[in-house]
């Protein structure tokens, strides 16, 4: 698939078929993630693959819809996906090397890795969704994530038979300034 088509057809998919994702395809996703740009070549990303239904159910119970962390219901649709890829950031090496400013930089690195993974999913005929609505402490506890490592995203991955409609996007001219913030092109 042409790169522009991959970018423009990526969607947050919330419906999956009952079909396993082969290990070689999972490797391709992780391989794409590791080629993301990374400050100082720290490569602070780490991934946990979760296929076991009981573990996925426990993770789903730690999710919530939208910004309603205290009142939102769990995102049960996630269980349709045959696997979750949990994206984490290992903060300790970055802070040791670059100090406190690294805490923000490594988040950007892992976000870039997640985007590479999502785009690779489209290219490989898969569907996925980037989920950030979850109780981070609960998820870390369920997955036995050590101190210094933070869970950033739950990514259900699988196959789908539904194509989502194209979301609206702002025109580049609406989000671009010239020389200084707020200065539009004449």
Foldseek 3Di string as FASTA:
>chain_A
DDLVVLVQQQDADLAFAPDDDDPVLVVLLQVLLQPFDAVVSPSQKDKDKDQDLVLVVQQQCQFFPDPCNPPGGGSVSLSNFRMKIWIKGQQVVQCVVPNPVSVVRRVVSNVRSVVSSSSSCVVVQKHKHWDQGGDFVSNCVSVVPDPRMTTGTIMRMHHDPDGDDGDDDDDPQVVDAPPDPPHGDD
